[in-house]
PDB file of N, CA and C in Angstrom:
ATOM      1  N   UNK A   1      13.701  38.154  -5.032  1.00  0.00           N
ATOM      2  CA  UNK A   1      14.312  39.134  -5.883  1.00  0.00           C
ATOM      3  C   UNK A   1      13.216  40.042  -6.426  1.00  0.00           C
ATOM      4  N   UNK A   2      13.414  41.334  -6.353  1.00  0.00           N
ATOM      5  CA  UNK A   2      12.407  42.296  -6.753  1.00  0.00           C
ATOM      6  C   UNK A   2      12.469  42.627  -8.241  1.00  0.00           C
ATOM      7  N   UNK A   3      13.535  42.307  -8.911  1.00  0.00           N
ATOM      8  CA  UNK A   3      13.681  42.628 -10.327  1.00  0.00           C
ATOM      9  C   UNK A   3      12.928  41.599 -11.163  1.00  0.00           C
ATOM     10  N   UNK A   4      12.081  42.100 -12.066  1.00  0.00           N
ATOM     11  CA  UNK A   4      11.287  41.228 -12.927  1.00  0.00           C
ATOM     12  C   UNK A   4      12.143  40.718 -14.086  1.00  0.00           C
ATOM     13  N   UNK A   5      11.961  39.480 -14.445  1.00  0.00           N
ATOM     14  CA  UNK A   5      12.702  38.870 -15.541  1.00  0.00           C
ATOM     15  C   UNK A   5      11.869  39.014 -16.823  1.00  0.00           C
ATOM     16  N   UNK A   6      12.515  39.429 -17.905  1.00  0.00           N
ATOM     17  CA  UNK A   6      11.794  39.610 -19.169  1.00  0.00           C
ATOM     18  C   UNK A   6      11.444  38.257 -19.769  1.00  0.00           C
ATOM     19  N   UNK A   7      10.488  38.263 -20.687  1.00  0.00           N
ATOM     20  CA  UNK A   7      10.083  37.005 -21.309  1.00  0.00           C
ATOM     21  C   UNK A   7      11.214  36.415 -22.143  1.00  0.00           C
ATOM     22  N   UNK A   8      11.988  37.259 -22.838  1.00  0.00           N
ATOM     23  CA  UNK A   8      13.098  36.746 -23.632  1.00  0.00           C
ATOM     24  C   UNK A   8      14.152  36.092 -22.741  1.00  0.00           C
ATOM     25  N   UNK A   9      14.433  36.722 -21.606  1.00  0.00           N
ATOM     26  CA  UNK A   9      15.417  36.155 -20.684  1.00  0.00           C
ATOM     27  C   UNK A   9      14.893  34.869 -20.052  1.00  0.00           C
ATOM     28  N   UNK A  10      13.616  34.823 -19.754  1.00  0.00           N
ATOM     29  CA  UNK A  10      13.006  33.609 -19.219  1.00  0.00           C
ATOM     30  C   UNK A  10      13.069  32.485 -20.254  1.00  0.00           C
ATOM     31  N   UNK A  11      12.809  32.823 -21.517  1.00  0.00           N
ATOM     32  CA  UNK A  11      12.964  31.838 -22.599  1.00  0.00           C
ATOM     33  C   UNK A  11      14.390  31.284 -22.591  1.00  0.00           C
ATOM     34  N   UNK A  12      15.365  32.169 -22.467  1.00  0.00           N
ATOM     35  CA  UNK A  12      16.763  31.750 -22.456  1.00  0.00           C
ATOM     36  C   UNK A  12      17.096  30.842 -21.287  1.00  0.00           C
ATOM     37  N   UNK A  13      16.554  31.160 -20.120  1.00  0.00           N
ATOM     38  CA  UNK A  13      16.807  30.330 -18.936  1.00  0.00           C
ATOM     39  C   UNK A  13      16.246  28.921 -19.131  1.00  0.00           C
ATOM     40  N   UNK A  14      15.034  28.846 -19.664  1.00  0.00           N
ATOM     41  CA  UNK A  14      14.414  27.541 -19.901  1.00  0.00           C
ATOM     42  C   UNK A  14      15.196  26.766 -20.953  1.00  0.00           C
ATOM     43  N   UNK A  15      15.539  27.428 -22.045  1.00  0.00           N
ATOM     44  CA  UNK A  15      16.303  26.752 -23.103  1.00  0.00           C
ATOM     45  C   UNK A  15      17.661  26.280 -22.589  1.00  0.00           C
ATOM     46  N   UNK A  16      18.303  27.086 -21.749  1.00  0.00           N
ATOM     47  CA  UNK A  16      19.607  26.691 -21.195  1.00  0.00           C
ATOM     48  C   UNK A  16      19.481  25.450 -20.323  1.00  0.00           C
ATOM     49  N   UNK A  17      18.424  25.376 -19.526  1.00  0.00           N
ATOM     50  CA  UNK A  17      18.210  24.182 -18.705  1.00  0.00           C
ATOM     51  C   UNK A  17      17.957  22.967 -19.586  1.00  0.00           C
ATOM     52  N   UNK A  18      17.163  23.157 -20.634  1.00  0.00           N
ATOM     53  CA  UNK A  18      16.841  22.035 -21.521  1.00  0.00           C
ATOM     54  C   UNK A  18      18.048  21.611 -22.361  1.00  0.00           C
ATOM     55  N   UNK A  19      19.022  22.473 -22.474  1.00  0.00           N
ATOM     56  CA  UNK A  19      20.227  22.105 -23.215  1.00  0.00           C
ATOM     57  C   UNK A  19      21.027  21.041 -22.453  1.00  0.00           C
ATOM     58  N   UNK A  20      20.869  21.012 -21.137  1.00  0.00           N
ATOM     59  CA  UNK A  20      21.616  20.038 -20.339  1.00  0.00           C
ATOM     60  C   UNK A  20      20.890  18.704 -20.220  1.00  0.00           C
ATOM     61  N   UNK A  21      19.546  18.750 -20.171  1.00  0.00           N
ATOM     62  CA  UNK A  21      18.747  17.524 -20.100  1.00  0.00           C
ATOM     63  C   UNK A  21      17.286  17.841 -20.354  1.00  0.00           C
ATOM     64  N   UNK A  22      16.506  16.829 -20.686  1.00  0.00           N
ATOM     65  CA  UNK A  22      15.061  16.978 -20.856  1.00  0.00           C
ATOM     66  C   UNK A  22      14.424  17.043 -19.470  1.00  0.00           C
ATOM     67  N   UNK A  23      13.379  17.850 -19.347  1.00  0.00           N
ATOM     68  CA  UNK A  23      12.659  17.985 -18.082  1.00  0.00           C
ATOM     69  C   UNK A  23      11.163  17.861 -18.332  1.00  0.00           C
ATOM     70  N   UNK A  24      10.433  17.339 -17.347  1.00  0.00           N
ATOM     71  CA  UNK A  24       8.982  17.460 -17.368  1.00  0.00           C
ATOM     72  C   UNK A  24       8.636  18.758 -16.646  1.00  0.00           C
ATOM     73  N   UNK A  25       7.438  19.255 -16.876  1.00  0.00           N
ATOM     74  CA  UNK A  25       7.065  20.594 -16.436  1.00  0.00           C
ATOM     75  C   UNK A  25       7.350  20.924 -14.983  1.00  0.00           C
ATOM     76  N   UNK A  26       6.897  20.084 -14.068  1.00  0.00           N
ATOM     77  CA  UNK A  26       7.081  20.380 -12.639  1.00  0.00           C
ATOM     78  C   UNK A  26       8.557  20.407 -12.268  1.00  0.00           C
ATOM     79  N   UNK A  27       9.327  19.453 -12.762  1.00  0.00           N
ATOM     80  CA  UNK A  27      10.762  19.408 -12.452  1.00  0.00           C
ATOM     81  C   UNK A  27      11.474  20.626 -13.029  1.00  0.00           C
ATOM     82  N   UNK A  28      11.060  21.054 -14.197  1.00  0.00           N
ATOM     83  CA  UNK A  28      11.642  22.242 -14.807  1.00  0.00           C
ATOM     84  C   UNK A  28      11.339  23.481 -13.964  1.00  0.00           C
ATOM     85  N   UNK A  29      10.103  23.575 -13.494  1.00  0.00           N
ATOM     86  CA  UNK A  29       9.724  24.683 -12.620  1.00  0.00           C
ATOM     87  C   UNK A  29      10.581  24.697 -11.361  1.00  0.00           C
ATOM     88  N   UNK A  30      10.738  23.544 -10.731  1.00  0.00           N
ATOM     89  CA  UNK A  30      11.540  23.449  -9.509  1.00  0.00           C
ATOM     90  C   UNK A  30      12.990  23.863  -9.761  1.00  0.00           C
ATOM     91  N   UNK A  31      13.542  23.403 -10.860  1.00  0.00           N
ATOM     92  CA  UNK A  31      14.935  23.714 -11.203  1.00  0.00           C
ATOM     93  C   UNK A  31      15.098  25.201 -11.466  1.00  0.00           C
ATOM     94  N   UNK A  32      14.153  25.799 -12.159  1.00  0.00           N
ATOM     95  CA  UNK A  32      14.205  27.228 -12.456  1.00  0.00           C
ATOM     96  C   UNK A  32      14.028  28.058 -11.189  1.00  0.00           C
ATOM     97  N   UNK A  33      13.107  27.626 -10.324  1.00  0.00           N
ATOM     98  CA  UNK A  33      12.854  28.357  -9.084  1.00  0.00           C
ATOM     99  C   UNK A  33      14.046  28.326  -8.131  1.00  0.00           C
ATOM    100  N   UNK A  34      14.948  27.396  -8.321  1.00  0.00           N
ATOM    101  CA  UNK A  34      16.151  27.353  -7.489  1.00  0.00           C
ATOM    102  C   UNK A  34      17.055  28.557  -7.778  1.00  0.00           C
ATOM    103  N   UNK A  35      16.862  29.178  -8.938  1.00  0.00           N
ATOM    104  CA  UNK A  35      17.711  30.308  -9.320  1.00  0.00           C
ATOM    105  C   UNK A  35      16.966  31.630  -9.417  1.00  0.00           C
ATOM    106  N   UNK A  36      15.741  31.597  -9.918  1.00  0.00           N
ATOM    107  CA  UNK A  36      14.961  32.827 -10.090  1.00  0.00           C
ATOM    108  C   UNK A  36      13.549  32.621  -9.574  1.00  0.00           C
ATOM    109  N   UNK A  37      12.914  33.721  -9.211  1.00  0.00           N
ATOM    110  CA  UNK A  37      11.545  33.658  -8.696  1.00  0.00           C
ATOM    111  C   UNK A  37      10.575  33.623  -9.864  1.00  0.00           C
ATOM    112  N   UNK A  38       9.967  32.461 -10.073  1.00  0.00           N
ATOM    113  CA  UNK A  38       8.990  32.292 -11.142  1.00  0.00           C
ATOM    114  C   UNK A  38       7.951  31.280 -10.678  1.00  0.00           C
ATOM    115  N   UNK A  39       6.695  31.570 -10.973  1.00  0.00           N
ATOM    116  CA  UNK A  39       5.632  30.659 -10.551  1.00  0.00           C
ATOM    117  C   UNK A  39       5.387  29.610 -11.618  1.00  0.00           C
ATOM    118  N   UNK A  40       4.784  28.517 -11.193  1.00  0.00           N
ATOM    119  CA  UNK A  40       4.446  27.444 -12.125  1.00  0.00           C
ATOM    120  C   UNK A  40       3.467  27.961 -13.180  1.00  0.00           C
ATOM    121  N   UNK A  41       2.561  28.838 -12.761  1.00  0.00           N
ATOM    122  CA  UNK A  41       1.583  29.382 -13.710  1.00  0.00           C
ATOM    123  C   UNK A  41       2.236  30.284 -14.747  1.00  0.00           C
ATOM    124  N   UNK A  42       3.405  30.819 -14.453  1.00  0.00           N
ATOM    125  CA  UNK A  42       4.155  31.626 -15.413  1.00  0.00           C
ATOM    126  C   UNK A  42       4.886  30.743 -16.401  1.00  0.00           C
ATOM    127  N   UNK A  43       5.369  29.609 -15.956  1.00  0.00           N
ATOM    128  CA  UNK A  43       6.223  28.770 -16.782  1.00  0.00           C
ATOM    129  C   UNK A  43       5.474  28.066 -17.908  1.00  0.00           C
ATOM    130  N   UNK A  44       4.268  27.592 -17.660  1.00  0.00           N
ATOM    131  CA  UNK A  44       3.563  26.828 -18.696  1.00  0.00           C
ATOM    132  C   UNK A  44       3.255  27.655 -19.950  1.00  0.00           C
ATOM    133  N   UNK A  45       2.865  28.917 -19.834  1.00  0.00           N
ATOM    134  CA  UNK A  45       2.729  29.725 -21.061  1.00  0.00           C
ATOM    135  C   UNK A  45       4.067  29.892 -21.798  1.00  0.00           C
ATOM    136  N   UNK A  46       5.157  29.976 -21.054  1.00  0.00           N
ATOM    137  CA  UNK A  46       6.482  30.059 -21.671  1.00  0.00           C
ATOM    138  C   UNK A  46       6.753  28.790 -22.475  1.00  0.00           C
ATOM    139  N   UNK A  47       6.464  27.647 -21.883  1.00  0.00           N
ATOM    140  CA  UNK A  47       6.691  26.379 -22.574  1.00  0.00           C
ATOM    141  C   UNK A  47       5.815  26.262 -23.827  1.00  0.00           C
ATOM    142  N   UNK A  48       4.580  26.731 -23.744  1.00  0.00           N
ATOM    143  CA  UNK A  48       3.707  26.710 -24.929  1.00  0.00           C
ATOM    144  C   UNK A  48       4.273  27.609 -26.032  1.00  0.00           C
ATOM    145  N   UNK A  49       4.781  28.785 -25.647  1.00  0.00           N
ATOM    146  CA  UNK A  49       5.366  29.705 -26.623  1.00  0.00           C
ATOM    147  C   UNK A  49       6.615  29.092 -27.261  1.00  0.00           C
ATOM    148  N   UNK A  50       7.454  28.473 -26.444  1.00  0.00           N
ATOM    149  CA  UNK A  50       8.671  27.837 -26.970  1.00  0.00           C
ATOM    150  C   UNK A  50       8.320  26.715 -27.941  1.00  0.00           C
ATOM    151  N   UNK A  51       7.272  25.970 -27.620  1.00  0.00           N
ATOM    152  CA  UNK A  51       6.839  24.882 -28.513  1.00  0.00           C
ATOM    153  C   UNK A  51       6.253  25.456 -29.804  1.00  0.00           C
ATOM    154  N   UNK A  52       5.456  26.497 -29.693  1.00  0.00           N
ATOM    155  CA  UNK A  52       4.857  27.133 -30.870  1.00  0.00           C
ATOM    156  C   UNK A  52       5.952  27.647 -31.810  1.00  0.00           C
ATOM    157  N   UNK A  53       7.020  28.182 -31.241  1.00  0.00           N
ATOM    158  CA  UNK A  53       8.142  28.700 -32.032  1.00  0.00           C
ATOM    159  C   UNK A  53       9.074  27.592 -32.518  1.00  0.00           C
ATOM    160  N   UNK A  54       8.753  26.353 -32.161  1.00  0.00           N
ATOM    161  CA  UNK A  54       9.537  25.172 -32.528  1.00  0.00           C
ATOM    162  C   UNK A  54      10.953  25.191 -31.940  1.00  0.00           C
ATOM    163  N   UNK A  55      11.076  25.805 -30.755  1.00  0.00           N
ATOM    164  CA  UNK A  55      12.350  25.816 -30.042  1.00  0.00           C
ATOM    165  C   UNK A  55      12.443  24.643 -29.077  1.00  0.00           C
ATOM    166  N   UNK A  56      11.291  24.056 -28.763  1.00  0.00           N
ATOM    167  CA  UNK A  56      11.259  22.821 -27.974  1.00  0.00           C
ATOM    168  C   UNK A  56      10.257  21.868 -28.614  1.00  0.00           C
ATOM    169  N   UNK A  57      10.424  20.621 -28.310  1.00  0.00           N
ATOM    170  CA  UNK A  57       9.469  19.594 -28.697  1.00  0.00           C
ATOM    171  C   UNK A  57       9.103  18.843 -27.424  1.00  0.00           C
ATOM    172  N   UNK A  58       8.038  18.062 -27.484  1.00  0.00           N
ATOM    173  CA  UNK A  58       7.604  17.323 -26.297  1.00  0.00           C
ATOM    174  C   UNK A  58       7.457  15.844 -26.612  1.00  0.00           C
ATOM    175  N   UNK A  59       7.546  15.064 -25.561  1.00  0.00           N
ATOM    176  CA  UNK A  59       7.217  13.638 -25.642  1.00  0.00           C
ATOM    177  C   UNK A  59       6.703  13.213 -24.278  1.00  0.00           C
ATOM    178  N   UNK A  60       5.863  12.197 -24.265  1.00  0.00           N
ATOM    179  CA  UNK A  60       5.290  11.695 -23.018  1.00  0.00           C
ATOM    180  C   UNK A  60       6.005  10.427 -22.598  1.00  0.00           C
ATOM    181  N   UNK A  61       6.150  10.286 -21.282  1.00  0.00           N
ATOM    182  CA  UNK A  61       6.787   9.095 -20.724  1.00  0.00           C
ATOM    183  C   UNK A  61       5.987   8.656 -19.502  1.00  0.00           C
ATOM    184  N   UNK A  62       5.679   7.374 -19.447  1.00  0.00           N
ATOM    185  CA  UNK A  62       4.897   6.845 -18.321  1.00  0.00           C
ATOM    186  C   UNK A  62       5.698   6.924 -17.029  1.00  0.00           C
ATOM    187  N   UNK A  63       4.995   7.291 -15.945  1.00  0.00           N
ATOM    188  CA  UNK A  63       5.587   7.333 -14.616  1.00  0.00           C
ATOM    189  C   UNK A  63       4.492   7.030 -13.605  1.00  0.00           C
ATOM    190  N   UNK A  64       4.609   5.921 -12.907  1.00  0.00           N
ATOM    191  CA  UNK A  64       3.663   5.500 -11.876  1.00  0.00           C
ATOM    192  C   UNK A  64       2.216   5.551 -12.370  1.00  0.00           C
ATOM    193  N   UNK A  65       1.988   4.991 -13.541  1.00  0.00           N
ATOM    194  CA  UNK A  65       0.647   4.896 -14.080  1.00  0.00           C
ATOM    195  C   UNK A  65       0.122   6.148 -14.755  1.00  0.00           C
ATOM    196  N   UNK A  66       0.935   7.200 -14.801  1.00  0.00           N
ATOM    197  CA  UNK A  66       0.532   8.447 -15.451  1.00  0.00           C
ATOM    198  C   UNK A  66       1.605   8.828 -16.463  1.00  0.00           C
ATOM    199  N   UNK A  67       1.268   9.720 -17.339  1.00  0.00           N
ATOM    200  CA  UNK A  67       2.241  10.228 -18.297  1.00  0.00           C
ATOM    201  C   UNK A  67       2.798  11.564 -17.844  1.00  0.00           C
ATOM    202  N   UNK A  68       4.089  11.707 -18.011  1.00  0.00           N
ATOM    203  CA  UNK A  68       4.737  13.000 -17.795  1.00  0.00           C
ATOM    204  C   UNK A  68       5.109  13.539 -19.169  1.00  0.00           C
ATOM    205  N   UNK A  69       4.848  14.814 -19.381  1.00  0.00           N
ATOM    206  CA  UNK A  69       5.228  15.452 -20.640  1.00  0.00           C
ATOM    207  C   UNK A  69       6.610  16.072 -20.465  1.00  0.00           C
ATOM    208  N   UNK A  70       7.550  15.572 -21.251  1.00  0.00           N
ATOM    209  CA  UNK A  70       8.922  16.061 -21.211  1.00  0.00           C
ATOM    210  C   UNK A  70       9.151  17.070 -22.325  1.00  0.00           C
ATOM    211  N   UNK A  71       9.987  18.042 -22.037  1.00  0.00           N
ATOM    212  CA  UNK A  71      10.346  19.079 -22.997  1.00  0.00           C
ATOM    213  C   UNK A  71      11.803  18.876 -23.398  1.00  0.00           C
ATOM    214  N   UNK A  72      12.058  19.021 -24.696  1.00  0.00           N
ATOM    215  CA  UNK A  72      13.393  18.789 -25.248  1.00  0.00           C
ATOM    216  C   UNK A  72      13.710  19.940 -26.204  1.00  0.00           C
ATOM    217  N   UNK A  73      14.901  20.495 -26.084  1.00  0.00           N
ATOM    218  CA  UNK A  73      15.311  21.596 -26.961  1.00  0.00           C
ATOM    219  C   UNK A  73      15.547  21.066 -28.374  1.00  0.00           C
ATOM    220  N   UNK A  74      15.208  21.880 -29.370  1.00  0.00           N
ATOM    221  CA  UNK A  74      15.424  21.530 -30.775  1.00  0.00           C
ATOM    222  C   UNK A  74      16.670  22.266 -31.288  1.00  0.00           C
ATOM    223  N   UNK A  75      17.068  21.973 -32.508  1.00  0.00           N
ATOM    224  CA  UNK A  75      18.198  22.687 -33.125  1.00  0.00           C
ATOM    225  C   UNK A  75      17.869  24.177 -33.233  1.00  0.00           C
ATOM    226  N   UNK A  76      16.626  24.499 -33.582  1.00  0.00           N
ATOM    227  CA  UNK A  76      16.213  25.900 -33.653  1.00  0.00           C
ATOM    228  C   UNK A  76      16.256  26.549 -32.270  1.00  0.00           C
ATOM    229  N   UNK A  77      15.922  25.793 -31.241  1.00  0.00           N
ATOM    230  CA  UNK A  77      15.991  26.291 -29.868  1.00  0.00           C
ATOM    231  C   UNK A  77      17.418  26.561 -29.441  1.00  0.00           C
ATOM    232  N   UNK A  78      18.332  25.698 -29.852  1.00  0.00           N
ATOM    233  CA  UNK A  78      19.751  25.900 -29.542  1.00  0.00           C
ATOM    234  C   UNK A  78      20.264  27.165 -30.227  1.00  0.00           C
ATOM    235  N   UNK A  79      19.841  27.379 -31.474  1.00  0.00           N
ATOM    236  CA  UNK A  79      20.229  28.598 -32.195  1.00  0.00           C
ATOM    237  C   UNK A  79      19.655  29.833 -31.507  1.00  0.00           C
ATOM    238  N   UNK A  80      18.396  29.750 -31.070  1.00  0.00           N
ATOM    239  CA  UNK A  80      17.778  30.877 -30.363  1.00  0.00           C
ATOM    240  C   UNK A  80      18.476  31.136 -29.032  1.00  0.00           C
ATOM    241  N   UNK A  81      18.868  30.087 -28.338  1.00  0.00           N
ATOM    242  CA  UNK A  81      19.592  30.251 -27.080  1.00  0.00           C
ATOM    243  C   UNK A  81      20.896  31.008 -27.303  1.00  0.00           C
ATOM    244  N   UNK A  82      21.600  30.718 -28.360  1.00  0.00           N
ATOM    245  CA  UNK A  82      22.842  31.425 -28.677  1.00  0.00           C
ATOM    246  C   UNK A  82      22.579  32.915 -28.867  1.00  0.00           C
ATOM    247  N   UNK A  83      21.502  33.248 -29.576  1.00  0.00           N
ATOM    248  CA  UNK A  83      21.138  34.660 -29.792  1.00  0.00           C
ATOM    249  C   UNK A  83      20.823  35.326 -28.449  1.00  0.00           C
ATOM    250  N   UNK A  84      20.042  34.662 -27.615  1.00  0.00           N
ATOM    251  CA  UNK A  84      19.679  35.222 -26.309  1.00  0.00           C
ATOM    252  C   UNK A  84      20.926  35.411 -25.444  1.00  0.00           C
ATOM    253  N   UNK A  85      21.841  34.457 -25.471  1.00  0.00           N
ATOM    254  CA  UNK A  85      23.074  34.575 -24.690  1.00  0.00           C
ATOM    255  C   UNK A  85      23.896  35.771 -25.152  1.00  0.00           C
ATOM    256  N   UNK A  86      23.987  35.982 -26.454  1.00  0.00           N
ATOM    257  CA  UNK A  86      24.731  37.128 -26.988  1.00  0.00           C
ATOM    258  C   UNK A  86      24.055  38.439 -26.596  1.00  0.00           C
ATOM    259  N   UNK A  87      22.721  38.489 -26.737  1.00  0.00           N
ATOM    260  CA  UNK A  87      21.976  39.684 -26.340  1.00  0.00           C
ATOM    261  C   UNK A  87      22.151  39.965 -24.852  1.00  0.00           C
ATOM    262  N   UNK A  88      22.135  38.894 -24.048  1.00  0.00           N
ATOM    263  CA  UNK A  88      22.289  39.052 -22.602  1.00  0.00           C
ATOM    264  C   UNK A  88      23.662  39.641 -22.258  1.00  0.00           C
ATOM    265  N   UNK A  89      24.708  39.203 -22.916  1.00  0.00           N
ATOM    266  CA  UNK A  89      26.051  39.726 -22.637  1.00  0.00           C
ATOM    267  C   UNK A  89      26.101  41.233 -22.895  1.00  0.00           C
ATOM    268  N   UNK A  90      25.539  41.660 -24.001  1.00  0.00           N
ATOM    269  CA  UNK A  90      25.520  43.085 -24.338  1.00  0.00           C
ATOM    270  C   UNK A  90      24.696  43.871 -23.322  1.00  0.00           C
ATOM    271  N   UNK A  91      23.518  43.368 -23.011  1.00  0.00           N
ATOM    272  CA  UNK A  91      22.630  44.031 -22.062  1.00  0.00           C
ATOM    273  C   UNK A  91      23.243  44.083 -20.670  1.00  0.00           C
ATOM    274  N   UNK A  92      23.800  42.958 -20.237  1.00  0.00           N
ATOM    275  CA  UNK A  92      24.409  42.869 -18.915  1.00  0.00           C
ATOM    276  C   UNK A  92      25.553  43.874 -18.764  1.00  0.00           C
ATOM    277  N   UNK A  93      26.396  43.984 -19.771  1.00  0.00           N
ATOM    278  CA  UNK A  93      27.508  44.941 -19.719  1.00  0.00           C
ATOM    279  C   UNK A  93      26.992  46.373 -19.632  1.00  0.00           C
ATOM    280  N   UNK A  94      25.947  46.693 -20.416  1.00  0.00           N
ATOM    281  CA  UNK A  94      25.394  48.046 -20.404  1.00  0.00           C
ATOM    282  C   UNK A  94      24.787  48.392 -19.048  1.00  0.00           C
ATOM    283  N   UNK A  95      24.031  47.465 -18.471  1.00  0.00           N
ATOM    284  CA  UNK A  95      23.413  47.716 -17.164  1.00  0.00           C
ATOM    285  C   UNK A  95      24.477  47.827 -16.071  1.00  0.00           C
ATOM    286  N   UNK A  96      25.477  46.946 -16.083  1.00  0.00           N
ATOM    287  CA  UNK A  96      26.546  47.016 -15.090  1.00  0.00           C
ATOM    288  C   UNK A  96      27.276  48.356 -15.182  1.00  0.00           C
ATOM    289  N   UNK A  97      27.492  48.833 -16.386  1.00  0.00           N
ATOM    290  CA  UNK A  97      28.145  50.135 -16.567  1.00  0.00           C
ATOM    291  C   UNK A  97      27.300  51.234 -15.946  1.00  0.00           C
ATOM    292  N   UNK A  98      26.003  51.209 -16.212  1.00  0.00           N
ATOM    293  CA  UNK A  98      25.109  52.241 -15.648  1.00  0.00           C
ATOM    294  C   UNK A  98      25.042  52.145 -14.128  1.00  0.00           C
ATOM    295  N   UNK A  99      24.920  50.957 -13.596  1.00  0.00           N
ATOM    296  CA  UNK A  99      24.795  50.791 -12.141  1.00  0.00           C
ATOM    297  C   UNK A  99      26.061  51.198 -11.402  1.00  0.00           C
ATOM    298  N   UNK A 100      27.192  51.105 -12.076  1.00  0.00           N
ATOM    299  CA  UNK A 100      28.462  51.539 -11.475  1.00  0.00           C
ATOM    300  C   UNK A 100      28.649  53.038 -11.604  1.00  0.00           C
ATOM    301  N   UNK A 101      27.732  53.697 -12.304  1.00  0.00           N
ATOM    302  CA  UNK A 101      27.821  55.141 -12.460  1.00  0.00           C
ATOM    303  C   UNK A 101      28.826  55.572 -13.508  1.00  0.00           C
ATOM    304  N   UNK A 102      29.180  54.668 -14.381  1.00  0.00           N
ATOM    305  CA  UNK A 102      30.161  54.965 -15.426  1.00  0.00           C
ATOM    306  C   UNK A 102      29.427  55.345 -16.700  1.00  0.00           C
ATOM    307  N   UNK A 103      30.058  56.175 -17.497  1.00  0.00           N
ATOM    308  CA  UNK A 103      29.490  56.526 -18.802  1.00  0.00           C
ATOM    309  C   UNK A 103      29.853  55.439 -19.802  1.00  0.00           C
ATOM    310  N   UNK A 104      28.907  55.093 -20.665  1.00  0.00           N
ATOM    311  CA  UNK A 104      29.232  54.102 -21.691  1.00  0.00           C
ATOM    312  C   UNK A 104      30.015  54.772 -22.797  1.00  0.00           C
ATOM    313  N   UNK A 105      30.841  53.959 -23.433  1.00  0.00           N
ATOM    314  CA  UNK A 105      31.676  54.534 -24.501  1.00  0.00           C
ATOM    315  C   UNK A 105      31.122  54.225 -25.855  1.00  0.00           C
TER     316      UNK A 105
END
């Protein structure tokens, strides 16, 4: 896909995935890449930003002698996801109107 995804929309995609279940970084990247083109190197700064904003929290879990860092959405993250979803609906409608060649009302 040639269209670049904004950081706010990427935040929303990650938060939406975490709303369904906790993910460790690599699995989250794989799940996200199934829908949008994003590199692993792009995702980790997003996760750090989400954690800094207290929209996600982390915990470690042992797996085959190593620890995996899991990401979990917080109540503040759920609230932020709602805002992003509302913003996306407005933006999506406006862009669809423009792409169809219609004037907005």
